[in-house]
Amino acid sequence: MTNENNGKFKDMSYEEGINKLRELISVLEKGEGTFEELIATYKEAFEYYTFCSEYLTDAGEKIRDLNEKIRAMSKSTEEQ
């Protein structure tokens, strides 16, 4: 993540992030707590959503890069 919460997510796996996001969504769905508490929970959930979304975007880019390298290697092998 590129915001001030980068340290919060520095060593977090995608699985840990998505599990925390699910927990926060569950709290929001119950609707228990004060308005301020629910807003704070929503803000935290959005941070985890952003982390998970960026994680998947990065993973997708890595997969595309690997696929391109594999295609290039395959093409150079076919040409020989």
N, C-alpha and C. Protein backbone atom coordinates (compact mmCIF):
# COMPACT_ATOMS: atom_id res chain seq x y z
N MET A 1 0.84 -1.19 0.00
CA MET A 1 0.00 0.00 0.00
C MET A 1 0.88 1.24 0.00
N THR A 2 0.36 2.27 -0.57
CA THR A 2 1.16 3.47 -0.70
C THR A 2 0.75 4.56 0.28
N ASN A 3 -0.16 4.28 1.21
CA ASN A 3 -0.57 5.31 2.15
C ASN A 3 0.13 5.15 3.49
N GLU A 4 -0.35 5.90 4.48
CA GLU A 4 0.31 5.90 5.78
C GLU A 4 0.17 4.58 6.53
N ASN A 5 -0.64 3.67 6.07
CA ASN A 5 -0.83 2.38 6.73
C ASN A 5 0.10 1.31 6.20
N ASN A 6 1.07 1.70 5.38
CA ASN A 6 1.98 0.74 4.78
C ASN A 6 2.62 -0.15 5.84
N GLY A 7 3.05 0.41 6.96
CA GLY A 7 3.66 -0.37 8.03
C GLY A 7 2.70 -1.37 8.62
N LYS A 8 1.45 -1.01 8.70
CA LYS A 8 0.42 -1.88 9.26
C LYS A 8 0.28 -3.17 8.45
N PHE A 9 0.50 -3.08 7.16
CA PHE A 9 0.31 -4.21 6.27
C PHE A 9 1.62 -4.80 5.75
N LYS A 10 2.74 -4.28 6.21
CA LYS A 10 4.06 -4.62 5.65
C LYS A 10 4.29 -6.13 5.53
N ASP A 11 4.08 -6.88 6.59
CA ASP A 11 4.36 -8.32 6.58
C ASP A 11 3.09 -9.16 6.53
N MET A 12 1.98 -8.54 6.16
CA MET A 12 0.70 -9.26 6.17
C MET A 12 0.50 -10.03 4.87
N SER A 13 0.01 -11.25 5.00
CA SER A 13 -0.32 -12.04 3.82
C SER A 13 -1.72 -11.65 3.34
N TYR A 14 -2.01 -12.03 2.11
CA TYR A 14 -3.34 -11.78 1.56
C TYR A 14 -4.40 -12.48 2.42
N GLU A 15 -4.11 -13.70 2.83
CA GLU A 15 -5.07 -14.48 3.61
C GLU A 15 -5.38 -13.79 4.94
N GLU A 16 -4.36 -13.26 5.59
CA GLU A 16 -4.58 -12.54 6.84
C GLU A 16 -5.43 -11.29 6.60
N GLY A 17 -5.14 -10.59 5.53
CA GLY A 17 -5.89 -9.38 5.22
C GLY A 17 -7.34 -9.66 4.91
N ILE A 18 -7.59 -10.69 4.12
CA ILE A 18 -8.98 -10.99 3.74
C ILE A 18 -9.76 -11.52 4.94
N ASN A 19 -9.10 -12.27 5.82
CA ASN A 19 -9.79 -12.75 7.03
C ASN A 19 -10.17 -11.59 7.93
N LYS A 20 -9.27 -10.62 8.09
CA LYS A 20 -9.57 -9.44 8.91
C LYS A 20 -10.70 -8.64 8.27
N LEU A 21 -10.66 -8.51 6.96
CA LEU A 21 -11.73 -7.80 6.25
C LEU A 21 -13.07 -8.48 6.49
N ARG A 22 -13.10 -9.79 6.42
CA ARG A 22 -14.35 -10.54 6.68
C ARG A 22 -14.86 -10.29 8.09
N GLU A 23 -13.94 -10.27 9.06
CA GLU A 23 -14.34 -9.99 10.45
C GLU A 23 -14.97 -8.60 10.57
N LEU A 24 -14.34 -7.63 9.95
CA LEU A 24 -14.85 -6.26 10.02
C LEU A 24 -16.20 -6.13 9.33
N ILE A 25 -16.37 -6.80 8.21
CA ILE A 25 -17.65 -6.78 7.50
C ILE A 25 -18.74 -7.39 8.37
N SER A 26 -18.39 -8.45 9.08
CA SER A 26 -19.35 -9.09 9.98
C SER A 26 -19.81 -8.12 11.07
N VAL A 27 -18.86 -7.37 11.62
CA VAL A 27 -19.20 -6.37 12.64
C VAL A 27 -20.14 -5.33 12.04
N LEU A 28 -19.84 -4.87 10.84
CA LEU A 28 -20.67 -3.86 10.19
C LEU A 28 -22.07 -4.40 9.90
N GLU A 29 -22.15 -5.65 9.48
CA GLU A 29 -23.45 -6.24 9.16
C GLU A 29 -24.34 -6.34 10.39
N LYS A 30 -23.73 -6.58 11.55
CA LYS A 30 -24.50 -6.65 12.79
C LYS A 30 -25.03 -5.29 13.19
N GLY A 31 -24.29 -4.25 12.82
CA GLY A 31 -24.74 -2.89 13.10
C GLY A 31 -24.76 -2.52 14.56
N GLU A 32 -23.99 -3.23 15.36
CA GLU A 32 -23.96 -2.95 16.79
C GLU A 32 -22.85 -1.94 17.09
N GLY A 33 -23.08 -1.09 18.06
CA GLY A 33 -22.10 -0.08 18.42
C GLY A 33 -22.62 1.30 18.09
N THR A 34 -21.87 2.27 18.52
CA THR A 34 -22.25 3.65 18.25
C THR A 34 -21.94 3.99 16.80
N PHE A 35 -22.50 5.09 16.37
CA PHE A 35 -22.23 5.55 15.01
C PHE A 35 -20.75 5.77 14.80
N GLU A 36 -20.08 6.37 15.77
CA GLU A 36 -18.65 6.63 15.66
C GLU A 36 -17.85 5.33 15.56
N GLU A 37 -18.24 4.32 16.34
CA GLU A 37 -17.56 3.03 16.29
C GLU A 37 -17.74 2.37 14.92
N LEU A 38 -18.95 2.46 14.39
CA LEU A 38 -19.21 1.87 13.08
C LEU A 38 -18.45 2.59 11.98
N ILE A 39 -18.33 3.89 12.08
CA ILE A 39 -17.56 4.66 11.10
C ILE A 39 -16.08 4.25 11.17
N ALA A 40 -15.55 4.10 12.40
CA ALA A 40 -14.15 3.67 12.57
C ALA A 40 -13.96 2.27 12.00
N THR A 41 -14.92 1.38 12.22
CA THR A 41 -14.84 0.02 11.68
C THR A 41 -14.89 0.06 10.16
N TYR A 42 -15.77 0.90 9.62
CA TYR A 42 -15.86 1.03 8.16
C TYR A 42 -14.54 1.52 7.59
N LYS A 43 -13.94 2.51 8.24
CA LYS A 43 -12.66 3.05 7.76
C LYS A 43 -11.59 1.95 7.78
N GLU A 44 -11.54 1.18 8.86
CA GLU A 44 -10.55 0.10 8.94
C GLU A 44 -10.82 -0.96 7.87
N ALA A 45 -12.10 -1.29 7.67
CA ALA A 45 -12.46 -2.28 6.64
C ALA A 45 -12.02 -1.79 5.27
N PHE A 46 -12.19 -0.51 5.00
CA PHE A 46 -11.77 0.03 3.71
C PHE A 46 -10.26 -0.06 3.53
N GLU A 47 -9.50 0.13 4.61
CA GLU A 47 -8.05 -0.02 4.55
C GLU A 47 -7.67 -1.45 4.18
N TYR A 48 -8.35 -2.42 4.80
CA TYR A 48 -8.07 -3.82 4.49
C TYR A 48 -8.52 -4.17 3.07
N TYR A 49 -9.64 -3.61 2.65
CA TYR A 49 -10.10 -3.82 1.27
C TYR A 49 -9.06 -3.30 0.28
N THR A 50 -8.53 -2.10 0.55
CA THR A 50 -7.52 -1.50 -0.32
C THR A 50 -6.28 -2.37 -0.35
N PHE A 51 -5.84 -2.85 0.82
CA PHE A 51 -4.67 -3.74 0.88
C PHE A 51 -4.90 -4.97 0.02
N CYS A 52 -6.05 -5.63 0.19
CA CYS A 52 -6.33 -6.86 -0.55
C CYS A 52 -6.42 -6.59 -2.05
N SER A 53 -7.05 -5.50 -2.42
CA SER A 53 -7.19 -5.15 -3.82
C SER A 53 -5.83 -4.89 -4.46
N GLU A 54 -4.98 -4.13 -3.77
CA GLU A 54 -3.64 -3.85 -4.30
C GLU A 54 -2.79 -5.11 -4.34
N TYR A 55 -2.96 -5.98 -3.36
CA TYR A 55 -2.23 -7.25 -3.33
C TYR A 55 -2.56 -8.07 -4.58
N LEU A 56 -3.86 -8.17 -4.90
CA LEU A 56 -4.28 -8.94 -6.06
C LEU A 56 -3.81 -8.29 -7.36
N THR A 57 -3.83 -6.97 -7.42
CA THR A 57 -3.34 -6.26 -8.60
C THR A 57 -1.86 -6.55 -8.82
N ASP A 58 -1.08 -6.47 -7.74
CA ASP A 58 0.36 -6.77 -7.83
C ASP A 58 0.59 -8.22 -8.26
N ALA A 59 -0.18 -9.13 -7.69
CA ALA A 59 -0.03 -10.55 -8.05
C ALA A 59 -0.36 -10.75 -9.53
N GLY A 60 -1.40 -10.09 -10.01
CA GLY A 60 -1.77 -10.19 -11.42
C GLY A 60 -0.66 -9.68 -12.33
N GLU A 61 -0.03 -8.58 -11.95
CA GLU A 61 1.07 -8.04 -12.74
C GLU A 61 2.25 -9.01 -12.77
N LYS A 62 2.55 -9.63 -11.64
CA LYS A 62 3.64 -10.60 -11.58
C LYS A 62 3.34 -11.80 -12.48
N ILE A 63 2.10 -12.25 -12.47
CA ILE A 63 1.71 -13.39 -13.31
C ILE A 63 1.83 -13.02 -14.78
N ARG A 64 1.37 -11.82 -15.15
CA ARG A 64 1.51 -11.38 -16.55
C ARG A 64 2.97 -11.32 -16.96
N ASP A 65 3.83 -10.78 -16.08
CA ASP A 65 5.27 -10.71 -16.38
C ASP A 65 5.86 -12.11 -16.59
N LEU A 66 5.50 -13.03 -15.71
CA LEU A 66 6.00 -14.40 -15.85
C LEU A 66 5.51 -15.05 -17.14
N ASN A 67 4.25 -14.83 -17.47
CA ASN A 67 3.71 -15.38 -18.72
C ASN A 67 4.45 -14.84 -19.92
N GLU A 68 4.77 -13.54 -19.90
CA GLU A 68 5.52 -12.94 -21.01
C GLU A 68 6.91 -13.56 -21.11
N LYS A 69 7.57 -13.77 -19.99
CA LYS A 69 8.90 -14.38 -20.00
C LYS A 69 8.84 -15.81 -20.52
N ILE A 70 7.82 -16.54 -20.10
CA ILE A 70 7.65 -17.93 -20.56
C ILE A 70 7.42 -17.96 -22.06
N ARG A 71 6.55 -17.05 -22.57
CA ARG A 71 6.30 -16.99 -24.00
C ARG A 71 7.58 -16.66 -24.78
N ALA A 72 8.36 -15.72 -24.26
CA ALA A 72 9.60 -15.33 -24.91
C ALA A 72 10.59 -16.49 -24.93
N MET A 73 10.69 -17.20 -23.81
CA MET A 73 11.59 -18.36 -23.75
C MET A 73 11.11 -19.45 -24.70
N SER A 74 9.81 -19.66 -24.75
CA SER A 74 9.25 -20.67 -25.62
C SER A 74 9.50 -20.32 -27.09
N LYS A 75 9.32 -19.04 -27.40
CA LYS A 75 9.52 -18.60 -28.78
C LYS A 75 10.98 -18.75 -29.19
N SER A 76 11.90 -18.39 -28.30
CA SER A 76 13.33 -18.52 -28.63
C SER A 76 13.72 -19.98 -28.76
N THR A 77 13.11 -20.86 -28.01
CA THR A 77 13.39 -22.30 -28.12
C THR A 77 12.86 -22.84 -29.43
N GLU A 78 11.69 -22.37 -29.87
CA GLU A 78 11.10 -22.83 -31.13
C GLU A 78 11.94 -22.39 -32.33
N GLU A 79 12.58 -21.22 -32.22
CA GLU A 79 13.35 -20.67 -33.32
C GLU A 79 14.68 -21.41 -33.51
N GLN A 80 15.12 -22.12 -32.50
CA GLN A 80 16.43 -22.81 -32.58
C GLN A 80 16.33 -24.10 -33.30
